[in-house]
Amino acid sequence: MISGRVITGIVALCIAGTGVFVGNMLTMMMIGEINRKRREDDDLVSYFGFTPQKSRMIVREYRRLYPDGKLHIYSYLMVVAVIAGMITVALCARIIG
């Protein structure tokens, strides 16, 4: 018989994995929106290679170009879902707590 702790851990892991996937998809959508506003001879944002500085630049540039855009907010919500999911997995696996 599978305990409730194991089921909760599996569900939390699925939530974290979904958050990672959707968060990456939202980042790609932001890059597409940024590149759409830039001219071809300008420096386009690459879809490959991510650093913390590049991630901050993407959000900053997206907010500048689309002040009413919501993609960055949804991206932040996905980060929260991933962190909450992974903390729950760690608690269920008794890694912490």
N, C-alpha and C. Protein backbone atom coordinates (compact mmCIF):
# COMPACT_ATOMS: atom_id res chain seq x y z
N MET A 1 0.85 -1.19 0.00
CA MET A 1 0.00 0.00 0.00
C MET A 1 0.88 1.23 0.00
N ILE A 2 0.57 2.18 -0.87
CA ILE A 2 1.33 3.43 -0.97
C ILE A 2 0.77 4.42 0.05
N SER A 3 1.67 5.03 0.80
CA SER A 3 1.23 5.97 1.84
C SER A 3 0.87 7.32 1.23
N GLY A 4 0.19 8.10 2.02
CA GLY A 4 -0.18 9.46 1.58
C GLY A 4 1.02 10.35 1.37
N ARG A 5 2.08 10.09 2.14
CA ARG A 5 3.32 10.88 2.01
C ARG A 5 3.95 10.65 0.64
N VAL A 6 3.94 9.40 0.18
CA VAL A 6 4.53 9.08 -1.12
C VAL A 6 3.69 9.70 -2.25
N ILE A 7 2.38 9.60 -2.14
CA ILE A 7 1.50 10.18 -3.16
C ILE A 7 1.68 11.70 -3.20
N THR A 8 1.75 12.33 -2.04
CA THR A 8 1.96 13.78 -1.99
C THR A 8 3.29 14.15 -2.63
N GLY A 9 4.33 13.37 -2.36
CA GLY A 9 5.64 13.63 -2.97
C GLY A 9 5.62 13.50 -4.47
N ILE A 10 4.92 12.48 -4.98
CA ILE A 10 4.83 12.29 -6.44
C ILE A 10 4.07 13.44 -7.07
N VAL A 11 2.96 13.86 -6.47
CA VAL A 11 2.18 14.98 -7.00
C VAL A 11 3.01 16.27 -6.98
N ALA A 12 3.75 16.48 -5.88
CA ALA A 12 4.59 17.69 -5.77
C ALA A 12 5.70 17.67 -6.82
N LEU A 13 6.27 16.50 -7.09
CA LEU A 13 7.30 16.39 -8.12
C LEU A 13 6.72 16.69 -9.50
N CYS A 14 5.51 16.23 -9.76
CA CYS A 14 4.85 16.53 -11.03
C CYS A 14 4.57 18.03 -11.17
N ILE A 15 4.16 18.66 -10.09
CA ILE A 15 3.92 20.11 -10.10
C ILE A 15 5.22 20.85 -10.38
N ALA A 16 6.31 20.44 -9.74
CA ALA A 16 7.60 21.10 -9.96
C ALA A 16 8.06 20.91 -11.40
N GLY A 17 7.92 19.71 -11.93
CA GLY A 17 8.31 19.46 -13.32
C GLY A 17 7.49 20.26 -14.31
N THR A 18 6.20 20.35 -14.06
CA THR A 18 5.33 21.16 -14.92
C THR A 18 5.72 22.63 -14.83
N GLY A 19 6.06 23.09 -13.64
CA GLY A 19 6.49 24.48 -13.45
C GLY A 19 7.76 24.79 -14.24
N VAL A 20 8.70 23.85 -14.25
CA VAL A 20 9.93 24.04 -15.02
C VAL A 20 9.61 24.13 -16.50
N PHE A 21 8.79 23.22 -17.00
CA PHE A 21 8.44 23.20 -18.42
C PHE A 21 7.71 24.49 -18.83
N VAL A 22 6.69 24.86 -18.08
CA VAL A 22 5.90 26.05 -18.43
C VAL A 22 6.75 27.31 -18.26
N GLY A 23 7.59 27.36 -17.23
CA GLY A 23 8.47 28.53 -17.04
C GLY A 23 9.42 28.71 -18.21
N ASN A 24 10.00 27.61 -18.70
CA ASN A 24 10.88 27.70 -19.87
C ASN A 24 10.10 28.13 -21.12
N MET A 25 8.90 27.62 -21.26
CA MET A 25 8.07 28.01 -22.40
C MET A 25 7.75 29.51 -22.35
N LEU A 26 7.45 30.02 -21.17
CA LEU A 26 7.17 31.45 -21.03
C LEU A 26 8.41 32.30 -21.34
N THR A 27 9.58 31.83 -20.93
CA THR A 27 10.82 32.54 -21.25
C THR A 27 11.04 32.59 -22.75
N MET A 28 10.79 31.47 -23.43
CA MET A 28 10.92 31.45 -24.89
C MET A 28 9.92 32.40 -25.55
N MET A 29 8.73 32.48 -25.00
CA MET A 29 7.74 33.41 -25.54
C MET A 29 8.19 34.86 -25.34
N MET A 30 8.79 35.17 -24.19
CA MET A 30 9.30 36.52 -23.96
C MET A 30 10.42 36.84 -24.94
N ILE A 31 11.31 35.89 -25.19
CA ILE A 31 12.39 36.12 -26.15
C ILE A 31 11.82 36.38 -27.53
N GLY A 32 10.80 35.62 -27.92
CA GLY A 32 10.15 35.84 -29.21
C GLY A 32 9.53 37.22 -29.32
N GLU A 33 8.89 37.67 -28.25
CA GLU A 33 8.28 39.00 -28.26
C GLU A 33 9.35 40.09 -28.34
N ILE A 34 10.45 39.90 -27.62
CA ILE A 34 11.54 40.89 -27.66
C ILE A 34 12.13 40.95 -29.06
N ASN A 35 12.41 39.79 -29.64
CA ASN A 35 13.02 39.76 -30.97
C ASN A 35 12.08 40.31 -32.04
N ARG A 36 10.79 40.18 -31.83
CA ARG A 36 9.82 40.72 -32.79
C ARG A 36 9.91 42.24 -32.87
N LYS A 37 10.20 42.88 -31.74
CA LYS A 37 10.30 44.34 -31.70
C LYS A 37 11.65 44.85 -32.22
N ARG A 38 12.66 43.99 -32.19
CA ARG A 38 13.99 44.42 -32.65
C ARG A 38 14.09 44.25 -34.16
N ARG A 39 14.92 45.09 -34.76
CA ARG A 39 15.16 44.97 -36.19
C ARG A 39 16.14 43.84 -36.44
N GLU A 40 16.16 43.33 -37.66
CA GLU A 40 17.06 42.22 -38.00
C GLU A 40 18.52 42.59 -37.84
N ASP A 41 18.88 43.85 -38.12
CA ASP A 41 20.28 44.25 -38.00
C ASP A 41 20.67 44.52 -36.54
N ASP A 42 19.68 44.58 -35.65
CA ASP A 42 19.99 44.72 -34.22
C ASP A 42 20.45 43.38 -33.66
N ASP A 43 20.92 43.45 -32.45
CA ASP A 43 21.38 42.24 -31.76
C ASP A 43 20.17 41.50 -31.21
N LEU A 44 19.78 40.39 -31.84
CA LEU A 44 18.64 39.61 -31.38
C LEU A 44 19.04 38.75 -30.19
N VAL A 45 18.07 38.45 -29.33
CA VAL A 45 18.32 37.63 -28.16
C VAL A 45 18.31 36.16 -28.61
N SER A 46 19.34 35.43 -28.21
CA SER A 46 19.45 34.03 -28.59
C SER A 46 18.55 33.17 -27.70
N TYR A 47 18.04 32.09 -28.30
CA TYR A 47 17.22 31.15 -27.54
C TYR A 47 18.08 30.16 -26.76
N PHE A 48 19.39 30.16 -26.99
CA PHE A 48 20.28 29.18 -26.37
C PHE A 48 21.21 29.86 -25.36
N GLY A 49 21.60 29.12 -24.35
CA GLY A 49 22.56 29.62 -23.37
C GLY A 49 21.93 30.60 -22.40
N PHE A 50 21.75 30.16 -21.16
CA PHE A 50 21.14 31.03 -20.17
C PHE A 50 22.07 31.22 -18.98
N THR A 51 22.17 32.45 -18.54
CA THR A 51 22.88 32.82 -17.33
C THR A 51 21.92 33.67 -16.50
N PRO A 52 22.20 33.86 -15.22
CA PRO A 52 21.33 34.75 -14.43
C PRO A 52 21.25 36.16 -15.02
N GLN A 53 22.36 36.65 -15.56
CA GLN A 53 22.36 38.00 -16.15
C GLN A 53 21.45 38.04 -17.38
N LYS A 54 21.51 37.01 -18.20
CA LYS A 54 20.67 36.98 -19.40
C LYS A 54 19.19 36.89 -19.01
N SER A 55 18.88 36.11 -18.00
CA SER A 55 17.49 36.00 -17.55
C SER A 55 16.96 37.33 -17.05
N ARG A 56 17.79 38.05 -16.29
CA ARG A 56 17.38 39.39 -15.82
C ARG A 56 17.20 40.35 -17.00
N MET A 57 18.10 40.26 -17.99
CA MET A 57 18.00 41.13 -19.16
C MET A 57 16.72 40.85 -19.93
N ILE A 58 16.34 39.58 -20.05
CA ILE A 58 15.12 39.22 -20.79
C ILE A 58 13.91 39.83 -20.10
N VAL A 59 13.81 39.67 -18.78
CA VAL A 59 12.66 40.22 -18.05
C VAL A 59 12.66 41.74 -18.12
N ARG A 60 13.82 42.36 -17.95
CA ARG A 60 13.92 43.83 -17.99
C ARG A 60 13.51 44.36 -19.37
N GLU A 61 14.02 43.72 -20.41
CA GLU A 61 13.71 44.16 -21.78
C GLU A 61 12.24 43.91 -22.11
N TYR A 62 11.70 42.78 -21.67
CA TYR A 62 10.29 42.49 -21.91
C TYR A 62 9.40 43.52 -21.22
N ARG A 63 9.72 43.86 -19.98
CA ARG A 63 8.92 44.85 -19.25
C ARG A 63 9.02 46.24 -19.89
N ARG A 64 10.20 46.56 -20.46
CA ARG A 64 10.37 47.85 -21.12
C ARG A 64 9.55 47.91 -22.40
N LEU A 65 9.57 46.84 -23.19
CA LEU A 65 8.88 46.83 -24.47
C LEU A 65 7.37 46.59 -24.32
N TYR A 66 6.98 45.83 -23.30
CA TYR A 66 5.57 45.48 -23.09
C TYR A 66 5.18 45.82 -21.65
N PRO A 67 4.95 47.09 -21.35
CA PRO A 67 4.64 47.47 -19.97
C PRO A 67 3.36 46.82 -19.43
N ASP A 68 2.43 46.46 -20.31
CA ASP A 68 1.19 45.81 -19.87
C ASP A 68 1.26 44.29 -20.01
N GLY A 69 2.40 43.76 -20.43
CA GLY A 69 2.56 42.32 -20.63
C GLY A 69 2.54 41.57 -19.30
N LYS A 70 2.08 40.34 -19.35
CA LYS A 70 1.95 39.53 -18.14
C LYS A 70 2.86 38.29 -18.14
N LEU A 71 3.61 38.06 -19.20
CA LEU A 71 4.41 36.84 -19.27
C LEU A 71 5.43 36.74 -18.15
N HIS A 72 6.05 37.86 -17.78
CA HIS A 72 7.05 37.81 -16.71
C HIS A 72 6.41 37.48 -15.36
N ILE A 73 5.20 37.91 -15.14
CA ILE A 73 4.50 37.59 -13.90
C ILE A 73 4.19 36.10 -13.85
N TYR A 74 3.72 35.54 -14.97
CA TYR A 74 3.45 34.11 -15.02
C TYR A 74 4.74 33.31 -14.84
N SER A 75 5.82 33.82 -15.38
CA SER A 75 7.11 33.15 -15.22
C SER A 75 7.52 33.13 -13.75
N TYR A 76 7.33 34.22 -13.05
CA TYR A 76 7.64 34.26 -11.62
C TYR A 76 6.74 33.29 -10.84
N LEU A 77 5.48 33.18 -11.23
CA LEU A 77 4.58 32.23 -10.57
C LEU A 77 5.05 30.79 -10.76
N MET A 78 5.62 30.50 -11.93
CA MET A 78 6.15 29.16 -12.18
C MET A 78 7.37 28.89 -11.30
N VAL A 79 8.19 29.90 -11.06
CA VAL A 79 9.34 29.73 -10.16
C VAL A 79 8.85 29.39 -8.76
N VAL A 80 7.80 30.06 -8.32
CA VAL A 80 7.22 29.78 -7.00
C VAL A 80 6.68 28.35 -6.96
N ALA A 81 6.02 27.91 -8.04
CA ALA A 81 5.49 26.54 -8.09
C ALA A 81 6.61 25.51 -8.02
N VAL A 82 7.70 25.77 -8.72
CA VAL A 82 8.84 24.85 -8.70
C VAL A 82 9.44 24.77 -7.30
N ILE A 83 9.67 25.91 -6.68
CA ILE A 83 10.27 25.93 -5.34
C ILE A 83 9.35 25.24 -4.33
N ALA A 84 8.06 25.56 -4.37
CA ALA A 84 7.12 24.94 -3.44
C ALA A 84 7.05 23.43 -3.67
N GLY A 85 7.03 23.02 -4.94
CA GLY A 85 6.98 21.60 -5.24
C GLY A 85 8.22 20.86 -4.74
N MET A 86 9.39 21.45 -4.95
CA MET A 86 10.62 20.78 -4.53
C MET A 86 10.77 20.75 -3.00
N ILE A 87 10.32 21.79 -2.33
CA ILE A 87 10.34 21.77 -0.86
C ILE A 87 9.40 20.69 -0.35
N THR A 88 8.23 20.56 -0.97
CA THR A 88 7.29 19.52 -0.57
C THR A 88 7.87 18.13 -0.81
N VAL A 89 8.55 17.94 -1.94
CA VAL A 89 9.20 16.66 -2.21
C VAL A 89 10.25 16.37 -1.14
N ALA A 90 11.05 17.37 -0.80
CA ALA A 90 12.08 17.18 0.22
C ALA A 90 11.47 16.84 1.58
N LEU A 91 10.34 17.44 1.90
CA LEU A 91 9.67 17.13 3.16
C LEU A 91 9.10 15.71 3.13
N CYS A 92 8.49 15.33 2.02
CA CYS A 92 7.91 13.99 1.91
C CYS A 92 8.99 12.92 1.93
N ALA A 93 10.14 13.21 1.36
CA ALA A 93 11.25 12.25 1.34
C ALA A 93 12.07 12.32 2.63
N ARG A 94 11.68 13.19 3.53
CA ARG A 94 12.34 13.40 4.81
C ARG A 94 13.80 13.80 4.65
N ILE A 95 14.04 14.57 3.59
CA ILE A 95 15.38 15.14 3.38
C ILE A 95 15.54 16.32 4.31
N ILE A 96 14.47 17.10 4.45
CA ILE A 96 14.45 18.20 5.41
C ILE A 96 13.28 17.97 6.36
N GLY A 97 13.33 18.62 7.49
CA GLY A 97 12.23 18.55 8.45
C GLY A 97 12.26 17.37 9.27
